[in-house]
Amino acid sequence: MKTIVMGTYTYIPDAVLKAFVHIQEHFPDLKKVEYDEEGNWLYYNADGTFPTFDGRTDWLNQSLLEAGSDAAYSVGYPVCYTLA
């Protein structure tokens, strides 16, 4: 899996960054997102756990997350974006 560190001069699609920030607004401890070969995403907290939504998804912008996945595809799956 290709790993790209956010905050470096490496190209990061704008839609990937927007999707990450969208989730991070609700989970400030967010550390990374992985996109698998099928375009599915998986977000991780700094301690390696997954954010717990507890059924609270009314704020979730699915279109924004899908746009992030589509943009990650342009870089090539599988790919991991992580904070430095």
Protein backbone atom coordinates (compact mmCIF):
# COMPACT_ATOMS: atom_id res chain seq x y z
CA MET A 1 0.00 0.00 0.00
CA LYS A 2 1.30 3.41 -0.96
CA THR A 3 1.50 5.83 2.03
CA ILE A 4 1.32 9.58 1.54
CA VAL A 5 2.08 11.93 4.42
CA MET A 6 -0.25 14.91 4.54
CA GLY A 7 1.47 18.20 5.21
CA THR A 8 4.39 17.44 2.93
CA TYR A 9 4.83 18.75 -0.59
CA THR A 10 3.42 15.54 -2.00
CA TYR A 11 0.30 15.94 -4.14
CA ILE A 12 -2.87 15.25 -2.15
CA PRO A 13 -6.16 15.56 -4.01
CA ASP A 14 -8.31 18.37 -2.62
CA ALA A 15 -11.32 16.05 -2.28
CA VAL A 16 -9.30 13.61 -0.13
CA LEU A 17 -8.28 16.45 2.16
CA LYS A 18 -11.85 17.78 2.39
CA ALA A 19 -13.19 14.33 3.29
CA PHE A 20 -10.48 13.90 5.94
CA VAL A 21 -11.19 17.31 7.49
CA HIS A 22 -14.93 16.54 7.46
CA ILE A 23 -14.39 13.44 9.61
CA GLN A 24 -11.70 15.13 11.71
CA GLU A 25 -14.16 17.89 12.71
CA HIS A 26 -16.04 15.23 14.71
CA PHE A 27 -13.04 13.09 15.63
CA PRO A 28 -10.10 15.42 16.39
CA ASP A 29 -7.81 12.47 17.15
CA LEU A 30 -8.01 11.29 13.53
CA LYS A 31 -4.61 10.22 12.17
CA LYS A 32 -5.08 8.53 8.80
CA VAL A 33 -7.40 7.20 6.12
CA GLU A 34 -6.86 4.16 3.93
CA TYR A 35 -8.57 3.49 0.62
CA ASP A 36 -8.60 -0.13 -0.51
CA GLU A 37 -8.63 -1.59 -4.02
CA GLU A 38 -12.40 -1.16 -4.24
CA GLY A 39 -12.46 2.47 -3.11
CA ASN A 40 -13.70 1.75 0.40
CA TRP A 41 -12.33 4.01 3.11
CA LEU A 42 -11.26 3.32 6.67
CA TYR A 43 -10.40 6.10 9.10
CA TYR A 44 -8.04 5.60 12.07
CA ASN A 45 -7.46 7.52 15.28
CA ALA A 46 -3.91 8.23 16.48
CA ASP A 47 -3.99 5.14 18.73
CA GLY A 48 -4.89 2.87 15.80
CA THR A 49 -8.56 2.50 16.72
CA PHE A 50 -11.46 3.44 14.49
CA PRO A 51 -13.70 6.42 15.24
CA THR A 52 -16.93 5.27 16.88
CA PHE A 53 -19.95 6.80 15.22
CA ASP A 54 -22.45 5.23 17.67
CA GLY A 55 -25.22 5.63 15.11
CA ARG A 56 -24.61 9.39 14.89
CA THR A 57 -24.32 9.86 11.16
CA ASP A 58 -26.84 12.65 10.50
CA TRP A 59 -23.90 15.05 10.06
CA LEU A 60 -22.05 12.71 7.69
CA ASN A 61 -21.70 13.98 4.12
CA GLN A 62 -21.60 10.77 2.09
CA SER A 63 -21.07 12.64 -1.18
CA LEU A 64 -17.97 14.32 0.23
CA LEU A 65 -16.53 10.96 1.31
CA GLU A 66 -17.28 9.40 -2.07
CA ALA A 67 -15.60 12.32 -3.82
CA GLY A 68 -12.54 11.70 -1.64
CA SER A 69 -12.49 8.07 -2.68
CA ASP A 70 -12.84 8.97 -6.35
CA ALA A 71 -9.95 11.42 -6.02
CA ALA A 72 -7.79 8.85 -4.25
CA TYR A 73 -8.36 6.58 -7.23
CA SER A 74 -6.51 9.10 -9.38
CA VAL A 75 -3.42 8.53 -7.21
CA GLY A 76 -3.94 4.77 -7.31
CA TYR A 77 -5.47 2.26 -4.90
CA PRO A 78 -4.62 1.03 -2.36
CA VAL A 79 -3.37 4.19 -0.73
CA CYS A 80 -3.02 5.53 2.81
CA TYR A 81 -3.02 9.22 3.71
CA THR A 82 -1.56 9.95 7.14
CA LEU A 83 -0.72 13.01 9.20
CA ALA A 84 2.97 13.60 9.86
